[in-house]
Every structure is written in structure tokens, then in C-alpha cells.
Amino acid sequence: MKRFALVPALLIIALAGFSTGARASAVNVVVTGTYSSTAASTAFSGPGATFSISFALPVNIGPTLTVAGVSLAVTFNSTTTEIPGAVVTLFPAPIGGGFDIDIAYFSGSAYEWDFLGTQLYDSADNLLIGTFPISPTSGSFASELRVNGAVALISGGTVTTSTSTGISTTPEPGSLLLLGTGLLGLGIGIRRHHRSTQASR
């Protein structure tokens, strides 16, 4: 019976070894910009004012190039506002590259920032790392903030990206399967051992 007592301990050790290797990565995006001298005055914009927006996106965003439920930290006039539930959509290269940020509802208004610039992803839909400038007004399309139809043009700025990587201690599916199989085998072994002990009496 002593040999069966070692099995649970060995299974726990094996599971611990398998469960700490999972890594989760994200791309942290920081946008800094300056509104034009004729920009509309809104809760997040003003003539000639600077701003910054920070958020994180998954490394692989999938073929839709859209990420919903993004949490933003918008800094304007020395005040940082946390805004949950934004939608970030990346522009493909044929329309100039860049991305936009949509907030369907915040304090009674709808917000949409458009940033024209280098695309943030490669052909595999993975986000790229680096820094690129926000394009100023270009023809009929410009980097801008639209609030309920009011436009605040953005004269320029930069987008900086960096990665963050963490280690997850959540057991992977394969680890859980290993544990389940081991426990099942342990149960069968104990039951057979118990039956053989009773039969020999």
C-alpha cells in the first residue's frame, strides 16, 4: 500500500512543473499628440493642447483587426481619465495605415480618435513593436478626434509600442489532463489492490 501513497505526491510535483510555463504577452501602446490651433474644445481636446492615450492590445489580434473591451487611460489638462470598454480598429495599408479608438458612450458623448500613420501589424496579424509618427492633415482625411460630430484636428504626434510578458500559474489543459489521468489510474490501482487483499483473506 505504501507504493500507492507516493503517487499523489509525484502527480502534484509533475503538475507544478507543467503549470508555470505558460506565458501571456501584450503590446502596450502610448499615443502622444498635439491638437491644432483651431481644434474644437471638448472634454479631451482644446486649441494647441497636448494629450496622451495609453492602452494594451493582445499580440495577435486576428483577421478582423479589431479589439473590443479595451481599457484606456486618457491624459488631458493634467488629468488622467480611465475609460473601459473602448474599441480599437487597425487600418490596413491601402488606406494609409494607422488605427482608431472608439468610445460609444462616455459622460453623454461618443468619441472617436483617428490616427493616420504606419500600420501596427504584419501580414500574420501580429502587432509590431516600435515608434512611428502620427500624420498631420492629409487631404480629406486627418488624424483627429470626433465628438458627436465636432472635429478636433491633430497636428502631429507619435505612437510608441512595447511588449509586456508575464508568467501565468494557471494549469494548462495538458497539465490538467495529466493530473486527471494519473488520479484515475491511482483510483483503479487502489481498487484492484483492495480487491486482491480481500480475496487473499
Protein backbone atom coordinates (compact mmCIF):
# COMPACT_ATOMS: atom_id res chain seq x y z
CA MET A 1 0.00 0.00 0.00
CA LYS A 2 2.94 2.32 0.60
CA ARG A 3 3.77 2.46 -3.09
CA PHE A 4 0.35 3.99 -3.79
CA ALA A 5 0.98 6.74 -1.22
CA LEU A 6 3.82 8.06 -3.38
CA VAL A 7 1.66 8.50 -6.49
CA PRO A 8 -0.31 11.63 -5.37
CA ALA A 9 2.91 13.40 -4.38
CA LEU A 10 4.52 12.61 -7.73
CA LEU A 11 1.43 13.86 -9.59
CA ILE A 12 1.43 17.14 -7.67
CA ILE A 13 5.12 17.70 -8.42
CA ALA A 14 4.55 16.96 -12.13
CA LEU A 15 1.58 19.33 -12.31
CA ALA A 16 3.57 22.12 -10.63
CA GLY A 17 6.30 21.70 -13.23
CA PHE A 18 3.89 21.91 -16.14
CA SER A 19 1.70 24.75 -14.86
CA THR A 20 4.27 27.54 -14.55
CA GLY A 21 5.46 27.66 -18.16
CA ALA A 22 2.53 29.47 -19.77
CA ARG A 23 3.36 33.00 -20.86
CA ALA A 24 0.94 35.83 -21.68
CA SER A 25 2.12 38.73 -23.84
CA ALA A 26 0.59 42.09 -24.74
CA VAL A 27 1.61 45.19 -26.63
CA ASN A 28 1.44 48.41 -24.66
CA VAL A 29 0.57 51.40 -26.85
CA VAL A 30 1.17 55.03 -25.83
CA VAL A 31 -0.09 57.82 -28.10
CA THR A 32 1.11 61.38 -27.52
CA GLY A 33 -0.14 64.21 -29.69
CA THR A 34 -0.95 67.88 -30.10
CA TYR A 35 -4.24 69.29 -31.32
CA SER A 36 -4.22 72.01 -33.98
CA SER A 37 -4.67 75.68 -33.06
CA THR A 38 -8.20 75.55 -34.49
CA ALA A 39 -9.25 72.33 -32.72
CA ALA A 40 -12.63 72.23 -31.05
CA SER A 41 -12.78 72.42 -27.26
CA THR A 42 -14.13 69.19 -25.78
CA ALA A 43 -13.60 67.17 -22.60
CA PHE A 44 -10.45 65.71 -24.16
CA SER A 45 -9.28 68.40 -26.60
CA GLY A 46 -8.54 72.10 -26.97
CA PRO A 47 -6.70 74.51 -29.32
CA GLY A 48 -2.97 73.72 -29.31
CA ALA A 49 -3.31 71.36 -26.34
CA THR A 50 -1.32 68.15 -25.86
CA PHE A 51 -2.70 64.78 -24.82
CA SER A 52 -1.75 61.14 -24.33
CA ILE A 53 -3.64 57.86 -24.52
CA SER A 54 -2.35 54.57 -23.11
CA PHE A 55 -3.77 51.07 -23.61
CA ALA A 56 -2.75 47.45 -24.17
CA LEU A 57 -3.60 45.08 -27.04
CA PRO A 58 -3.01 41.34 -27.46
CA VAL A 59 -0.01 40.37 -29.58
CA ASN A 60 -2.21 38.53 -32.10
CA ILE A 61 -5.40 40.42 -32.86
CA GLY A 62 -6.87 38.13 -35.52
CA PRO A 63 -8.06 38.84 -39.07
CA THR A 64 -10.76 41.37 -38.13
CA LEU A 65 -8.08 43.84 -36.97
CA THR A 66 -10.48 44.97 -34.22
CA VAL A 67 -10.17 44.62 -30.44
CA ALA A 68 -13.18 45.35 -28.23
CA GLY A 69 -13.29 45.98 -24.48
CA VAL A 70 -10.01 47.92 -24.39
CA SER A 71 -9.29 49.99 -21.25
CA LEU A 72 -7.87 53.45 -21.95
CA ALA A 73 -6.00 55.95 -19.79
CA VAL A 74 -6.54 59.38 -21.39
CA THR A 75 -4.44 62.26 -20.03
CA PHE A 76 -5.56 65.79 -20.89
CA ASN A 77 -5.09 69.05 -18.96
CA SER A 78 -3.02 67.22 -16.33
CA THR A 79 -5.96 64.91 -15.55
CA THR A 80 -5.95 61.19 -16.33
CA THR A 81 -9.31 59.55 -17.01
CA GLU A 82 -9.73 55.77 -17.03
CA ILE A 83 -12.21 54.66 -19.70
CA PRO A 84 -13.21 50.99 -20.02
CA GLY A 85 -14.84 49.33 -22.99
CA ALA A 86 -13.24 51.13 -25.94
CA VAL A 87 -12.89 49.54 -29.40
CA VAL A 88 -9.56 49.76 -31.27
CA THR A 89 -9.56 49.13 -35.04
CA LEU A 90 -6.37 48.98 -37.09
CA PHE A 91 -6.28 50.43 -40.62
CA PRO A 92 -4.83 48.33 -43.46
CA ALA A 93 -2.01 49.76 -45.57
CA PRO A 94 -4.15 50.62 -48.65
CA ILE A 95 -5.78 53.46 -46.73
CA GLY A 96 -2.55 54.75 -45.21
CA GLY A 97 -2.18 52.62 -42.10
CA GLY A 98 -2.91 53.68 -38.53
CA PHE A 99 -5.81 52.98 -36.18
CA ASP A 100 -8.83 54.48 -34.49
CA ILE A 101 -10.24 54.38 -30.97
CA ASP A 102 -14.00 54.40 -30.45
CA ILE A 103 -15.82 55.13 -27.19
CA ALA A 104 -19.52 54.56 -27.78
CA TYR A 105 -20.61 56.43 -24.65
CA PHE A 106 -18.75 58.43 -22.03
CA SER A 107 -20.38 61.20 -19.98
CA GLY A 108 -23.15 61.53 -22.54
CA SER A 109 -20.96 61.70 -25.66
CA ALA A 110 -19.47 59.43 -28.31
CA TYR A 111 -15.73 59.81 -29.03
CA GLU A 112 -13.59 58.62 -31.92
CA TRP A 113 -9.87 59.29 -32.34
CA ASP A 114 -8.40 58.58 -35.78
CA PHE A 115 -4.63 58.32 -36.16
CA LEU A 116 -3.17 58.17 -39.66
CA GLY A 117 0.27 56.59 -39.71
CA THR A 118 2.27 53.40 -40.14
CA GLN A 119 0.25 50.21 -39.64
CA LEU A 120 0.72 48.44 -36.32
CA TYR A 121 0.65 44.86 -37.60
CA ASP A 122 2.37 42.49 -40.00
CA SER A 123 0.86 40.07 -42.53
CA ALA A 124 0.27 37.48 -39.78
CA ASP A 125 -1.90 40.00 -37.86
CA ASN A 126 0.70 40.30 -35.12
CA LEU A 127 1.27 43.72 -33.62
CA LEU A 128 4.59 45.39 -34.40
CA ILE A 129 6.88 46.99 -31.84
CA GLY A 130 8.44 50.42 -32.28
CA THR A 131 7.68 54.11 -32.67
CA PHE A 132 6.06 55.91 -35.57
CA PRO A 133 4.74 59.43 -36.14
CA ILE A 134 1.09 60.39 -36.38
CA SER A 135 0.45 62.05 -39.73
CA PRO A 136 -0.97 65.57 -39.71
CA THR A 137 -3.78 66.63 -42.05
CA SER A 138 -3.57 64.75 -45.36
CA GLY A 139 -6.16 65.65 -47.97
CA SER A 140 -9.69 64.98 -46.75
CA PHE A 141 -8.52 62.62 -44.02
CA ALA A 142 -6.61 63.73 -40.94
CA SER A 143 -5.62 62.50 -37.52
CA GLU A 144 -8.46 63.84 -35.46
CA LEU A 145 -10.86 63.46 -32.56
CA ARG A 146 -14.58 63.48 -33.35
CA VAL A 147 -17.03 64.12 -30.51
CA ASN A 148 -20.67 63.91 -31.56
CA GLY A 149 -19.67 65.28 -34.96
CA ALA A 150 -17.40 68.07 -33.70
CA VAL A 151 -13.87 67.70 -35.09
CA ALA A 152 -10.65 68.46 -33.23
CA LEU A 153 -7.77 68.12 -35.72
CA ILE A 154 -4.46 66.67 -34.50
CA SER A 155 -1.42 68.43 -35.94
CA GLY A 156 1.07 65.69 -35.07
CA GLY A 157 2.33 63.22 -32.50
CA THR A 158 3.89 59.79 -32.03
CA VAL A 159 2.81 56.25 -31.22
CA THR A 160 5.19 54.17 -29.10
CA THR A 161 4.74 50.45 -28.54
CA SER A 162 6.43 48.00 -26.17
CA THR A 163 5.80 44.43 -25.05
CA SER A 164 4.92 43.14 -21.60
CA THR A 165 5.27 39.49 -20.74
CA GLY A 166 4.06 37.71 -17.64
CA ILE A 167 4.14 34.14 -16.36
CA SER A 168 0.81 32.53 -15.63
CA THR A 169 0.49 29.85 -12.92
CA THR A 170 -2.83 28.64 -14.31
CA PRO A 171 -2.52 24.97 -15.24
CA GLU A 172 -2.51 24.33 -18.96
CA PRO A 173 -5.14 21.92 -20.42
CA GLY A 174 -2.44 19.29 -20.97
CA SER A 175 -1.41 19.52 -17.31
CA LEU A 176 -5.00 19.09 -16.14
CA LEU A 177 -5.39 16.07 -18.44
CA LEU A 178 -2.21 14.57 -16.99
CA LEU A 179 -3.47 15.06 -13.45
CA GLY A 180 -6.89 13.59 -14.25
CA THR A 181 -5.37 10.54 -15.95
CA GLY A 182 -3.00 10.00 -13.05
CA LEU A 183 -5.76 10.23 -10.45
CA LEU A 184 -7.91 7.81 -12.47
CA GLY A 185 -5.06 5.33 -12.64
CA LEU A 186 -4.42 5.78 -8.92
CA GLY A 187 -8.08 5.02 -8.14
CA ILE A 188 -8.07 1.88 -10.31
CA GLY A 189 -4.84 0.68 -8.73
CA ILE A 190 -6.11 1.19 -5.17
CA ARG A 191 -9.38 -0.58 -6.00
CA ARG A 192 -7.57 -3.59 -7.51
CA HIS A 193 -5.19 -3.71 -4.57
CA HIS A 194 -8.13 -3.60 -2.16
CA ARG A 195 -9.93 -6.43 -4.02
CA SER A 196 -6.83 -8.62 -4.13
CA THR A 197 -6.28 -8.09 -0.40
CA GLN A 198 -9.86 -9.14 0.39
CA ALA A 199 -9.65 -12.18 -1.90
CA SER A 200 -6.49 -13.44 -0.18
CA ARG A 201 -8.10 -13.39 3.25
